[in-house]
Amino acid sequence: MNLTGIDHFVLTVEDVESTCAFYEDLGADVVTFDEDRKAVRIGEQKINIHPVDTDIDLVADTPTVGGGDLCLITEMSISDIETQLRELDIEILAGPVERTGAVGQITSVYCRDPAGNLVEIGTYDNS
């Protein structure tokens, strides 16, 4: 098997609409599929947003609200990221901090989405 990327993953949330709005404020596109399911598209990947009481037949063994921890990458400078988060009234929990990303060093800040998931927003140092 030759894995080539991540297509999507799932966040379990109590409030689908507020979670979608949070990621849309950050620049993601909200998409509806299978008539009533929601996701946010970021680049060529998406995050499916499942309500905690979903009737979808295949889900994680123990779907947990707020159990996600993810890193999103932007081409913005770290100071612009901080400014935008403050303008959106999103609390910065930590940062800027240096981290190792998938393809190099990143500078990141941390916040939480409305479901309590830890969201790292970073920029590659060479961008």
Foldseek 3Di string as FASTA:
>chain_A
DDDDDAAEEEAEAQDQVQLQVVVVLVPWCWDAPPNHWIWTDDPRHIYTYHYPPDPDPDDDPDRDQQPAEDEAEDQDDPVVVVVSCVVVVWDFPDDQDWDADPVGIWGWTWTAGPRNHIYIYIYHPVD
